[in-house]
Amino acid sequence: MIEVRVDTDTLSQGASGSITGVISLFDKGWTFPESEWNDFPVVILAWWLEALSTLSHTGKPAECLFMDGSQVLRVSLTSSGAWLVECLASEDEEPVRIVQVQPSAFMRSLREASRSVVHACQVRGFQSTEVSRLAQLSLAQAAGA
């Protein structure tokens, strides 16, 4: 089962208000893009929640982007109702890993990661429109689950 992982101990807020930290996907000892990938988890998680919510409601494939680098997750609906997650180093390359997941399990992992990031930001006093947006999206997703 693929999991969204954020190391909340690494979260930091810069002078501009942007929050960075380690975020990756984990599947049976394998990570994407890498285990210590430092990026903008608050923004990324909000993007992913929106994109995968659209996939859930419309069946339209989703692209889940990272902010740093060219890595992308392409997520599409299979005929069996599962999601096919393709991990690509860049949009123009072949997938480095393809995993089939149950949508509910993947969304649960995404919501849990989002809630833990929001909580960690609140505890540290990190305030931004992105944190508020992620909090709203994770609550909306939980209500719709």
C-alpha atoms as a PDB file:
ATOM      1  CA  MET A   1       0.000   0.000   0.000  1.00  0.00           C
ATOM      2  CA  ILE A   2       1.409   3.332  -1.052  1.00  0.00           C
ATOM      3  CA  GLU A   3       1.507   5.971   1.694  1.00  0.00           C
ATOM      4  CA  VAL A   4       1.952   9.725   1.727  1.00  0.00           C
ATOM      5  CA  ARG A   5       4.608  10.557   4.305  1.00  0.00           C
ATOM      6  CA  VAL A   6       5.590  13.931   5.716  1.00  0.00           C
ATOM      7  CA  ASP A   7       8.247  14.280   8.399  1.00  0.00           C
ATOM      8  CA  THR A   8       6.595  17.000  10.466  1.00  0.00           C
ATOM      9  CA  ASP A   9       9.785  17.425  12.527  1.00  0.00           C
ATOM     10  CA  THR A  10      11.415  18.932   9.418  1.00  0.00           C
ATOM     11  CA  LEU A  11       8.760  21.613   8.813  1.00  0.00           C
ATOM     12  CA  SER A  12      10.090  25.152   8.811  1.00  0.00           C
ATOM     13  CA  GLN A  13       8.646  28.485   7.770  1.00  0.00           C
ATOM     14  CA  GLY A  14      10.813  30.906   5.848  1.00  0.00           C
ATOM     15  CA  ALA A  15      10.732  34.704   5.981  1.00  0.00           C
ATOM     16  CA  SER A  16       8.372  34.722   2.973  1.00  0.00           C
ATOM     17  CA  GLY A  17       5.909  32.515   4.884  1.00  0.00           C
ATOM     18  CA  SER A  18       6.497  29.427   2.753  1.00  0.00           C
ATOM     19  CA  ILE A  19       6.629  26.176   4.680  1.00  0.00           C
ATOM     20  CA  THR A  20       9.091  23.499   3.644  1.00  0.00           C
ATOM     21  CA  GLY A  21       9.707  19.988   4.872  1.00  0.00           C
ATOM     22  CA  VAL A  22      10.339  16.387   3.885  1.00  0.00           C
ATOM     23  CA  ILE A  23       7.553  14.749   1.862  1.00  0.00           C
ATOM     24  CA  SER A  24       7.525  11.507  -0.132  1.00  0.00           C
ATOM     25  CA  LEU A  25       5.516   8.479  -1.124  1.00  0.00           C
ATOM     26  CA  PHE A  26       6.400   5.159   0.455  1.00  0.00           C
ATOM     27  CA  ASP A  27       5.632   1.681  -0.879  1.00  0.00           C
ATOM     28  CA  LYS A  28       7.220  -1.485   0.540  1.00  0.00           C
ATOM     29  CA  GLY A  29      10.662  -0.006   1.229  1.00  0.00           C
ATOM     30  CA  TRP A  30      10.644   2.214  -1.844  1.00  0.00           C
ATOM     31  CA  THR A  31      10.250   6.015  -1.747  1.00  0.00           C
ATOM     32  CA  PHE A  32       9.429   8.630  -4.361  1.00  0.00           C
ATOM     33  CA  PRO A  33      10.980  10.984  -5.243  1.00  0.00           C
ATOM     34  CA  GLU A  34      13.406  10.052  -2.417  1.00  0.00           C
ATOM     35  CA  SER A  35      13.246   9.509   1.339  1.00  0.00           C
ATOM     36  CA  GLU A  36      14.584  12.963   2.268  1.00  0.00           C
ATOM     37  CA  TRP A  37      12.820  14.949  -0.470  1.00  0.00           C
ATOM     38  CA  ASN A  38      12.494  18.518   0.829  1.00  0.00           C
ATOM     39  CA  ASP A  39       9.688  20.473  -0.783  1.00  0.00           C
ATOM     40  CA  PHE A  40       6.587  22.499   0.092  1.00  0.00           C
ATOM     41  CA  PRO A  41       4.258  19.916   1.699  1.00  0.00           C
ATOM     42  CA  VAL A  42       1.456  22.331   2.633  1.00  0.00           C
ATOM     43  CA  VAL A  43       0.964  23.444  -0.972  1.00  0.00           C
ATOM     44  CA  ILE A  44       1.586  19.998  -2.451  1.00  0.00           C
ATOM     45  CA  LEU A  45      -0.908  18.229  -0.187  1.00  0.00           C
ATOM     46  CA  ALA A  46      -3.595  20.802  -1.040  1.00  0.00           C
ATOM     47  CA  TRP A  47      -2.939  20.320  -4.760  1.00  0.00           C
ATOM     48  CA  TRP A  48      -3.146  16.547  -4.384  1.00  0.00           C
ATOM     49  CA  LEU A  49      -6.368  16.673  -2.366  1.00  0.00           C
ATOM     50  CA  GLU A  50      -7.993  18.802  -5.062  1.00  0.00           C
ATOM     51  CA  ALA A  51      -6.714  16.722  -7.973  1.00  0.00           C
ATOM     52  CA  LEU A  52      -7.687  13.388  -6.420  1.00  0.00           C
ATOM     53  CA  SER A  53     -11.070  14.709  -5.352  1.00  0.00           C
ATOM     54  CA  THR A  54     -11.715  15.579  -8.991  1.00  0.00           C
ATOM     55  CA  LEU A  55     -10.616  12.077 -10.018  1.00  0.00           C
ATOM     56  CA  SER A  56     -12.958  10.575  -7.414  1.00  0.00           C
ATOM     57  CA  HIS A  57     -15.945  12.567  -8.646  1.00  0.00           C
ATOM     58  CA  THR A  58     -15.347  12.625 -12.406  1.00  0.00           C
ATOM     59  CA  GLY A  59     -13.027   9.721 -13.205  1.00  0.00           C
ATOM     60  CA  LYS A  60     -10.771  12.214 -14.995  1.00  0.00           C
ATOM     61  CA  PRO A  61      -7.061  11.317 -14.537  1.00  0.00           C
ATOM     62  CA  ALA A  62      -5.118  13.477 -12.108  1.00  0.00           C
ATOM     63  CA  GLU A  63      -1.594  14.821 -12.102  1.00  0.00           C
ATOM     64  CA  CYS A  64      -0.146  15.337  -8.647  1.00  0.00           C
ATOM     65  CA  LEU A  65       2.844  17.616  -8.874  1.00  0.00           C
ATOM     66  CA  PHE A  66       5.754  18.403  -6.617  1.00  0.00           C
ATOM     67  CA  MET A  67       6.957  22.018  -6.496  1.00  0.00           C
ATOM     68  CA  ASP A  68      10.704  21.386  -6.585  1.00  0.00           C
ATOM     69  CA  GLY A  69      11.870  19.315  -9.512  1.00  0.00           C
ATOM     70  CA  SER A  70       9.884  17.752 -12.313  1.00  0.00           C
ATOM     71  CA  GLN A  71       8.488  14.712 -10.479  1.00  0.00           C
ATOM     72  CA  VAL A  72       4.823  13.931 -10.975  1.00  0.00           C
ATOM     73  CA  LEU A  73       2.284  11.303 -10.020  1.00  0.00           C
ATOM     74  CA  ARG A  74      -0.238  10.383 -12.683  1.00  0.00           C
ATOM     75  CA  VAL A  75      -3.285   8.796 -11.139  1.00  0.00           C
ATOM     76  CA  SER A  76      -6.023   7.197 -13.210  1.00  0.00           C
ATOM     77  CA  LEU A  77      -9.067   5.042 -12.624  1.00  0.00           C
ATOM     78  CA  THR A  78      -8.877   1.391 -13.671  1.00  0.00           C
ATOM     79  CA  SER A  79     -11.807  -0.675 -14.942  1.00  0.00           C
ATOM     80  CA  SER A  80     -11.922  -2.433 -11.548  1.00  0.00           C
ATOM     81  CA  GLY A  81     -12.354   0.877  -9.687  1.00  0.00           C
ATOM     82  CA  ALA A  82      -8.802   0.928  -8.319  1.00  0.00           C
ATOM     83  CA  TRP A  83      -6.393   3.779  -9.001  1.00  0.00           C
ATOM     84  CA  LEU A  84      -3.247   3.310 -11.027  1.00  0.00           C
ATOM     85  CA  VAL A  85      -0.477   5.533  -9.606  1.00  0.00           C
ATOM     86  CA  GLU A  86       2.423   6.167 -11.979  1.00  0.00           C
ATOM     87  CA  CYS A  87       5.511   7.800 -10.458  1.00  0.00           C
ATOM     88  CA  LEU A  88       7.441   9.765 -13.055  1.00  0.00           C
ATOM     89  CA  ALA A  89      10.776  11.560 -12.712  1.00  0.00           C
ATOM     90  CA  SER A  90       9.392  14.032 -15.268  1.00  0.00           C
ATOM     91  CA  GLU A  91       6.258  14.253 -17.394  1.00  0.00           C
ATOM     92  CA  ASP A  92       8.179  13.223 -20.528  1.00  0.00           C
ATOM     93  CA  GLU A  93       9.694  10.045 -19.096  1.00  0.00           C
ATOM     94  CA  GLU A  94       8.460   6.536 -18.505  1.00  0.00           C
ATOM     95  CA  PRO A  95       7.232   5.763 -14.975  1.00  0.00           C
ATOM     96  CA  VAL A  96       9.877   4.667 -12.489  1.00  0.00           C
ATOM     97  CA  ARG A  97       7.185   2.827 -10.537  1.00  0.00           C
ATOM     98  CA  ILE A  98       3.552   1.887 -11.109  1.00  0.00           C
ATOM     99  CA  VAL A  99       1.322   0.893  -8.207  1.00  0.00           C
ATOM    100  CA  GLN A 100      -2.350  -0.032  -8.112  1.00  0.00           C
ATOM    101  CA  VAL A 101      -4.115   1.231  -4.983  1.00  0.00           C
ATOM    102  CA  GLN A 102      -7.560   1.335  -3.482  1.00  0.00           C
ATOM    103  CA  PRO A 103      -8.790   4.934  -3.673  1.00  0.00           C
ATOM    104  CA  SER A 104     -10.112   4.964  -0.097  1.00  0.00           C
ATOM    105  CA  ALA A 105      -6.780   3.786   1.344  1.00  0.00           C
ATOM    106  CA  PHE A 106      -4.745   6.277  -0.659  1.00  0.00           C
ATOM    107  CA  MET A 107      -7.084   9.152   0.251  1.00  0.00           C
ATOM    108  CA  ARG A 108      -6.983   8.123   3.920  1.00  0.00           C
ATOM    109  CA  SER A 109      -3.170   8.309   3.848  1.00  0.00           C
ATOM    110  CA  LEU A 110      -3.321  11.697   2.115  1.00  0.00           C
ATOM    111  CA  ARG A 111      -5.849  13.071   4.632  1.00  0.00           C
ATOM    112  CA  GLU A 112      -3.816  11.770   7.591  1.00  0.00           C
ATOM    113  CA  ALA A 113      -0.652  13.391   6.233  1.00  0.00           C
ATOM    114  CA  SER A 114      -2.557  16.635   5.636  1.00  0.00           C
ATOM    115  CA  ARG A 115      -4.023  16.687   9.135  1.00  0.00           C
ATOM    116  CA  SER A 116      -0.640  15.973  10.731  1.00  0.00           C
ATOM    117  CA  VAL A 117       0.941  18.820   8.743  1.00  0.00           C
ATOM    118  CA  VAL A 118      -1.835  21.246   9.698  1.00  0.00           C
ATOM    119  CA  HIS A 119      -1.522  20.229  13.357  1.00  0.00           C
ATOM    120  CA  ALA A 120       2.273  20.602  13.323  1.00  0.00           C
ATOM    121  CA  CYS A 121       1.950  24.044  11.707  1.00  0.00           C
ATOM    122  CA  GLN A 122      -0.587  25.135  14.318  1.00  0.00           C
ATOM    123  CA  VAL A 123       1.593  23.897  17.188  1.00  0.00           C
ATOM    124  CA  ARG A 124       4.583  25.809  15.793  1.00  0.00           C
ATOM    125  CA  GLY A 125       2.526  28.941  15.125  1.00  0.00           C
ATOM    126  CA  PHE A 126       3.050  28.741  11.353  1.00  0.00           C
ATOM    127  CA  GLN A 127       0.207  30.730   9.853  1.00  0.00           C
ATOM    128  CA  SER A 128      -0.472  31.260   6.178  1.00  0.00           C
ATOM    129  CA  THR A 129      -3.296  31.153   3.672  1.00  0.00           C
ATOM    130  CA  GLU A 130      -1.857  27.815   2.468  1.00  0.00           C
ATOM    131  CA  VAL A 131      -2.165  26.254   5.940  1.00  0.00           C
ATOM    132  CA  SER A 132      -5.771  27.495   6.221  1.00  0.00           C
ATOM    133  CA  ARG A 133      -6.551  26.135   2.754  1.00  0.00           C
ATOM    134  CA  LEU A 134      -5.041  22.728   3.560  1.00  0.00           C
ATOM    135  CA  ALA A 135      -7.021  22.598   6.806  1.00  0.00           C
ATOM    136  CA  GLN A 136     -10.258  23.348   4.926  1.00  0.00           C
ATOM    137  CA  LEU A 137      -9.524  20.825   2.169  1.00  0.00           C
ATOM    138  CA  SER A 138      -8.618  18.038   4.592  1.00  0.00           C
ATOM    139  CA  LEU A 139     -11.809  18.665   6.556  1.00  0.00           C
ATOM    140  CA  ALA A 140     -13.898  18.743   3.393  1.00  0.00           C
ATOM    141  CA  GLN A 141     -12.318  15.490   2.216  1.00  0.00           C
ATOM    142  CA  ALA A 142     -12.960  13.851   5.585  1.00  0.00           C
ATOM    143  CA  ALA A 143     -16.610  14.922   5.464  1.00  0.00           C
ATOM    144  CA  GLY A 144     -16.972  13.563   1.945  1.00  0.00           C
ATOM    145  CA  ALA A 145     -15.288  10.237   2.702  1.00  0.00           C
END
